[in-house]
Amino acid sequence: MKPTFDRIAFAAALMLFAPSARAGNWQAVEVIPGHTPTTVTVKEKPRSYFRVSEDSPLALTVEGPARLRLVSRAELPRGADHVVSYGVRVLEQGVLLKQQFTESSPAKGIAVAGDHAVPCKSRSMVVEIPAGSHRLAVSVSGIPSVLIRVLLSSPARGGAKMISITPLEAPRSVTLSEGERLIPYYTTFPGRPVKLRIVGPTSLELSTRLDFDATMRGVHTYRIAVTESGNRIREAAFKTTKATTASYTDLKERSASKVNQVVIPLGAGVHELNVELLEPRNGSAEVHARIPEPSVGRAE
């Protein structure tokens, strides 16, 4: 079965919000064009940070209205054990939106991949972003380099309208019934991905459900990978149980799990993505893809 792709859409860069988003529901930005992320392990969990130096600010585009949260960690030379002061500033076209002057000290149990620097305890600041597209620059001062983690959240509002994406190709399609809604999902098996084509800049929201057979009870774990041109751009592991309010109308031998979601920002250009179940190796999962509805009538 090869469903045809029937929607090509443009939307704002780094727009990460689903209709159900609420203030405080933060989504991490893990891909920023022109910048290479650095993995920081916090309590055995990997987090994507971007290294910002005094002469190399972090440039990113945010579609508002939104709330931008910056989590910063100063870096000290290996062996250092003292308090350091530094500043973080957010500017738009040279105009200062917000700045923070703070101090921190080395953190315990925090590791930076491939680096011998000492990361400090985190500090954070939140910037309210008004409606429209905003090209921002995040700069630092007082210290050679600072690791910055970028998160976005929608304000308390209805959220952007989303549209569903039909895959270029999928092993099969199923229909999920939930309440009074019928939602199309597409199946991925290990080695048999769901293939999508999306035009950016936009954000891709993937809703996934593990298929439960009659022998499966309790909590089960599954892993999903998203690749582009052979490169893995996102991997997500979920723990889930059987859904109590959702079922497949045309897949009677399987039960749907509760839904899990992952949001992936995509830069400008055409993206051909594979969404594949990695584990369990003998299992299957269902995928529903959405993007924000492109706005119309906006100036270039």
Protein backbone atom coordinates (compact mmCIF):
# COMPACT_ATOMS: atom_id res chain seq x y z
CA MET A 1 0.00 0.00 0.00
CA LYS A 2 1.41 3.41 -0.97
CA PRO A 3 -0.77 6.33 0.13
CA THR A 4 -0.01 9.49 -1.82
CA PHE A 5 1.26 12.63 -0.14
CA ASP A 6 -1.50 15.18 -0.57
CA ARG A 7 -0.39 18.20 1.46
CA ILE A 8 2.75 20.31 1.09
CA ALA A 9 2.90 23.06 3.64
CA PHE A 10 5.04 25.90 4.85
CA ALA A 11 4.91 26.92 8.53
CA ALA A 12 7.02 28.90 10.95
CA ALA A 13 10.43 27.64 12.04
CA LEU A 14 10.55 26.03 15.47
CA MET A 15 6.77 26.23 15.94
CA LEU A 16 6.35 23.36 18.39
CA PHE A 17 2.81 23.61 19.65
CA ALA A 18 -0.10 21.20 19.39
CA PRO A 19 -3.67 22.40 19.94
CA SER A 20 -3.72 20.92 23.43
CA ALA A 21 -0.55 22.76 24.51
CA ARG A 22 -0.78 24.83 27.68
CA ALA A 23 1.57 27.29 29.29
CA GLY A 24 4.38 25.39 31.00
CA ASN A 25 4.21 22.43 28.60
CA TRP A 26 7.79 22.90 27.41
CA GLN A 27 9.18 21.29 24.27
CA ALA A 28 12.94 21.09 23.84
CA VAL A 29 14.43 22.41 20.60
CA GLU A 30 17.06 19.89 19.56
CA VAL A 31 17.79 21.05 15.99
CA ILE A 32 18.83 24.63 15.16
CA PRO A 33 20.20 25.19 11.64
CA GLY A 34 23.84 26.22 11.68
CA HIS A 35 24.48 25.01 15.22
CA THR A 36 25.68 21.60 16.45
CA PRO A 37 24.05 20.32 19.65
CA THR A 38 26.12 19.05 22.56
CA THR A 39 24.81 16.22 24.74
CA VAL A 40 24.75 16.97 28.46
CA THR A 41 23.84 14.04 30.71
CA VAL A 42 21.72 15.11 33.67
CA LYS A 43 20.68 12.41 36.16
CA GLU A 44 21.55 9.76 33.53
CA LYS A 45 19.26 11.44 30.96
CA PRO A 46 20.75 13.02 27.80
CA ARG A 47 19.81 16.61 27.05
CA SER A 48 20.63 18.70 23.97
CA TYR A 49 22.46 21.96 24.68
CA PHE A 50 24.14 24.46 22.33
CA ARG A 51 27.53 25.97 23.14
CA VAL A 52 27.47 29.78 22.99
CA SER A 53 30.64 31.89 23.25
CA GLU A 54 31.18 35.62 23.55
CA ASP A 55 32.01 35.90 19.83
CA SER A 56 29.56 33.26 18.57
CA PRO A 57 25.91 33.89 19.54
CA LEU A 58 23.11 31.40 19.04
CA ALA A 59 20.74 32.39 16.22
CA LEU A 60 17.23 30.94 16.08
CA THR A 61 13.81 31.74 14.68
CA VAL A 62 10.71 31.57 16.87
CA GLU A 63 7.10 31.90 15.78
CA GLY A 64 4.96 33.72 18.33
CA PRO A 65 3.04 34.09 20.41
CA ALA A 66 5.24 31.82 22.47
CA ARG A 67 7.32 31.54 25.62
CA LEU A 68 11.03 30.93 25.19
CA ARG A 69 12.92 29.33 28.06
CA LEU A 70 16.73 29.30 28.11
CA VAL A 71 18.49 26.97 30.53
CA SER A 72 22.15 27.92 30.84
CA ARG A 73 25.17 26.14 32.30
CA ALA A 74 28.48 27.99 32.53
CA GLU A 75 31.59 25.97 31.63
CA LEU A 76 34.78 25.99 33.71
CA PRO A 77 38.17 24.38 33.07
CA ARG A 78 38.65 20.86 34.42
CA GLY A 79 39.58 20.98 38.09
CA ALA A 80 37.96 24.36 38.73
CA ASP A 81 35.83 24.64 41.86
CA HIS A 82 34.72 28.24 42.24
CA VAL A 83 31.70 30.46 41.68
CA VAL A 84 31.52 32.16 38.29
CA SER A 85 29.44 35.16 37.17
CA TYR A 86 28.08 35.52 33.64
CA GLY A 87 25.32 37.13 31.60
CA VAL A 88 22.83 35.88 29.00
CA ARG A 89 21.10 38.29 26.61
CA VAL A 90 18.33 37.80 24.04
CA LEU A 91 18.23 40.32 21.19
CA GLU A 92 16.10 40.81 18.10
CA GLN A 93 17.74 42.82 15.31
CA GLY A 94 20.02 44.41 17.88
CA VAL A 95 17.20 45.33 20.26
CA LEU A 96 17.53 43.85 23.76
CA LEU A 97 14.48 41.78 24.73
CA LYS A 98 15.73 40.42 28.04
CA GLN A 99 18.96 39.84 29.92
CA GLN A 100 20.03 37.87 32.95
CA PHE A 101 23.09 38.35 35.13
CA THR A 102 23.67 35.39 37.38
CA GLU A 103 26.30 33.24 39.04
CA SER A 104 26.78 29.52 39.44
CA SER A 105 29.22 26.87 40.65
CA PRO A 106 30.28 23.42 39.39
CA ALA A 107 27.50 20.82 39.36
CA LYS A 108 27.90 17.26 40.55
CA GLY A 109 26.79 14.30 38.44
CA ILE A 110 26.61 16.30 35.19
CA ALA A 111 28.65 15.19 32.16
CA VAL A 112 29.32 16.85 28.79
CA ALA A 113 29.87 14.47 25.87
CA GLY A 114 33.41 14.48 24.47
CA ASP A 115 34.49 17.38 26.63
CA HIS A 116 36.74 17.92 29.63
CA ALA A 117 35.05 21.11 30.78
CA VAL A 118 33.21 21.32 34.09
CA PRO A 119 29.51 22.22 33.63
CA CYS A 120 27.96 24.39 36.30
CA LYS A 121 24.56 24.29 37.96
CA SER A 122 21.74 25.40 35.68
CA ARG A 123 20.12 28.81 35.63
CA SER A 124 17.05 29.69 33.56
CA MET A 125 15.20 32.66 32.11
CA VAL A 126 11.88 32.98 30.26
CA VAL A 127 11.18 35.42 27.44
CA GLU A 128 7.66 36.21 26.25
CA ILE A 129 7.58 36.27 22.44
CA PRO A 130 4.75 38.24 20.76
CA ALA A 131 2.85 37.16 17.63
CA GLY A 132 4.80 36.93 14.39
CA SER A 133 8.10 35.48 13.25
CA HIS A 134 11.13 36.56 15.28
CA ARG A 135 14.81 36.12 14.44
CA LEU A 136 16.62 36.07 17.77
CA ALA A 137 20.23 36.09 18.89
CA VAL A 138 21.30 34.65 22.25
CA SER A 139 24.65 35.99 23.45
CA VAL A 140 26.73 35.50 26.61
CA SER A 141 29.28 37.58 28.49
CA GLY A 142 31.67 37.30 31.42
CA ILE A 143 32.92 33.80 30.58
CA PRO A 144 34.34 32.15 27.43
CA SER A 145 31.46 29.71 26.87
CA VAL A 146 28.04 28.78 28.19
CA LEU A 147 25.88 25.77 27.32
CA ILE A 148 22.31 26.78 26.44
CA ARG A 149 19.26 24.51 26.33
CA VAL A 150 16.32 25.94 24.35
CA LEU A 151 12.70 25.15 25.18
CA LEU A 152 9.45 26.54 23.81
CA SER A 153 5.90 26.62 25.07
CA SER A 154 2.69 28.10 23.78
CA PRO A 155 0.85 30.59 25.97
CA ALA A 156 -2.51 29.58 27.40
CA ARG A 157 -4.53 29.73 24.22
CA GLY A 158 -6.31 27.54 21.73
CA GLY A 159 -3.09 26.86 19.83
CA ALA A 160 -2.28 26.56 16.17
CA LYS A 161 -4.64 24.60 13.96
CA MET A 162 -3.04 21.34 12.85
CA ILE A 163 -3.42 19.38 9.62
CA SER A 164 -2.80 15.66 9.14
CA ILE A 165 -0.15 14.33 6.75
CA THR A 166 -0.73 11.32 4.51
CA PRO A 167 2.49 9.28 4.10
CA LEU A 168 4.21 8.64 0.81
CA GLU A 169 4.36 5.00 1.80
CA ALA A 170 3.34 2.78 4.72
CA PRO A 171 3.02 -0.98 5.27
CA ARG A 172 -0.70 -0.54 6.06
CA SER A 173 -3.30 1.94 7.30
CA VAL A 174 -5.71 1.51 10.21
CA THR A 175 -8.54 3.60 11.62
CA LEU A 176 -8.60 4.50 15.30
CA SER A 177 -11.91 5.24 16.97
CA GLU A 178 -11.76 7.52 20.00
CA GLY A 179 -14.90 9.15 21.33
CA GLU A 180 -16.75 10.30 18.24
CA ARG A 181 -13.60 10.73 16.16
CA LEU A 182 -12.14 8.43 13.51
CA ILE A 183 -8.40 9.04 13.08
CA PRO A 184 -6.18 7.50 10.36
CA TYR A 185 -2.98 5.86 11.58
CA TYR A 186 -0.22 4.18 9.58
CA THR A 187 1.70 1.09 10.67
CA THR A 188 5.44 0.75 11.12
CA PHE A 189 7.28 -2.52 11.74
CA PRO A 190 11.01 -2.94 12.47
CA GLY A 191 12.67 -2.54 9.09
CA ARG A 192 9.45 -1.27 7.47
CA PRO A 193 9.03 2.46 8.14
CA VAL A 194 6.31 4.99 7.45
CA LYS A 195 7.71 7.41 4.85
CA LEU A 196 6.80 11.10 4.92
CA ARG A 197 7.61 14.10 2.74
CA ILE A 198 7.29 17.51 4.40
CA VAL A 199 8.31 20.99 3.30
CA GLY A 200 9.78 23.25 5.97
CA PRO A 201 10.36 25.26 7.92
CA THR A 202 7.72 23.69 10.14
CA SER A 203 7.35 21.30 13.07
CA LEU A 204 6.29 17.69 12.80
CA GLU A 205 4.05 16.24 15.51
CA LEU A 206 4.04 12.45 15.64
CA SER A 207 1.37 10.62 17.64
CA THR A 208 2.32 6.98 18.14
CA ARG A 209 0.62 3.94 19.64
CA LEU A 210 2.01 0.48 20.30
CA ASP A 211 -0.14 -2.43 19.08
CA PHE A 212 -1.08 -4.80 21.93
CA ASP A 213 -1.85 -8.43 21.15
CA ALA A 214 -3.98 -10.72 23.33
CA THR A 215 -0.96 -11.91 25.38
CA MET A 216 0.30 -8.45 26.40
CA ARG A 217 -0.53 -7.18 29.88
CA GLY A 218 0.54 -4.20 31.96
CA VAL A 219 3.25 -1.73 30.95
CA HIS A 220 5.25 -2.22 27.76
CA THR A 221 8.15 -0.24 26.30
CA TYR A 222 8.69 0.63 22.65
CA ARG A 223 11.19 2.75 20.70
CA ILE A 224 10.64 4.87 17.60
CA ALA A 225 13.34 6.37 15.35
CA VAL A 226 13.03 9.16 12.77
CA THR A 227 15.70 9.27 10.05
CA GLU A 228 16.44 11.61 7.18
CA SER A 229 18.89 10.69 4.39
CA GLY A 230 20.17 7.84 6.56
CA ASN A 231 20.81 10.09 9.56
CA ARG A 232 18.86 9.49 12.75
CA ILE A 233 17.45 12.88 13.78
CA ARG A 234 15.30 11.67 16.69
CA GLU A 235 14.88 8.56 18.78
CA ALA A 236 12.20 8.25 21.45
CA ALA A 237 11.41 5.51 23.97
CA PHE A 238 7.97 5.27 25.53
CA LYS A 239 6.31 3.23 28.28
CA THR A 240 2.62 2.61 27.71
CA THR A 241 -0.43 0.55 28.57
CA LYS A 242 -3.61 -0.37 26.72
CA ALA A 243 -5.95 2.50 25.95
CA THR A 244 -9.35 2.39 27.62
CA THR A 245 -11.14 4.85 25.31
CA ALA A 246 -9.59 4.08 21.90
CA SER A 247 -9.74 1.06 19.60
CA TYR A 248 -8.99 0.06 16.02
CA THR A 249 -12.06 -0.37 13.82
CA ASP A 250 -10.31 -2.53 11.22
CA LEU A 251 -7.60 -4.30 13.22
CA LYS A 252 -9.60 -6.53 15.51
CA GLU A 253 -6.69 -8.76 16.57
CA ARG A 254 -4.79 -5.83 18.07
CA SER A 255 -5.58 -3.28 20.80
CA ALA A 256 -4.34 0.32 20.76
CA SER A 257 -2.09 1.66 23.47
CA LYS A 258 -2.39 5.06 25.03
CA VAL A 259 -1.03 7.77 22.76
CA ASN A 260 2.51 9.14 22.98
CA GLN A 261 3.77 12.21 21.15
CA VAL A 262 7.04 13.66 19.92
CA VAL A 263 7.54 17.01 18.15
CA ILE A 264 10.40 17.58 15.71
CA PRO A 265 11.35 21.01 14.34
CA LEU A 266 12.30 20.95 10.64
CA GLY A 267 14.31 23.58 8.81
CA ALA A 268 13.67 25.04 5.38
CA GLY A 269 13.47 22.74 2.37
CA VAL A 270 12.02 19.35 1.51
CA HIS A 271 12.38 16.63 4.14
CA GLU A 272 11.90 12.94 3.33
CA LEU A 273 11.61 11.14 6.65
CA ASN A 274 11.34 7.52 7.74
CA VAL A 275 9.49 6.77 10.98
CA GLU A 276 10.38 3.27 12.15
CA LEU A 277 9.64 1.04 15.12
CA LEU A 278 12.94 -0.19 16.60
CA GLU A 279 11.65 -2.26 19.51
CA PRO A 280 10.01 -4.64 20.18
CA ARG A 281 11.55 -6.44 17.23
CA ASN A 282 8.45 -8.62 16.72
CA GLY A 283 5.97 -5.80 17.28
CA SER A 284 4.15 -3.08 15.39
CA ALA A 285 3.17 0.51 16.11
CA GLU A 286 0.85 3.07 14.56
CA VAL A 287 1.82 6.61 13.51
CA HIS A 288 -0.29 9.72 12.89
CA ALA A 289 1.61 12.77 11.58
CA ARG A 290 0.50 16.43 11.76
CA ILE A 291 1.98 19.87 11.08
CA PRO A 292 0.67 23.37 11.89
CA GLU A 293 -1.65 24.66 9.20
CA PRO A 294 0.30 27.15 7.08
CA SER A 295 -0.80 30.74 7.41
CA VAL A 296 -1.92 32.53 4.25
CA GLY A 297 -1.59 36.07 3.05
CA ARG A 298 1.61 36.75 4.99
CA ALA A 299 4.33 38.81 3.37
CA GLU A 300 7.57 37.07 2.43
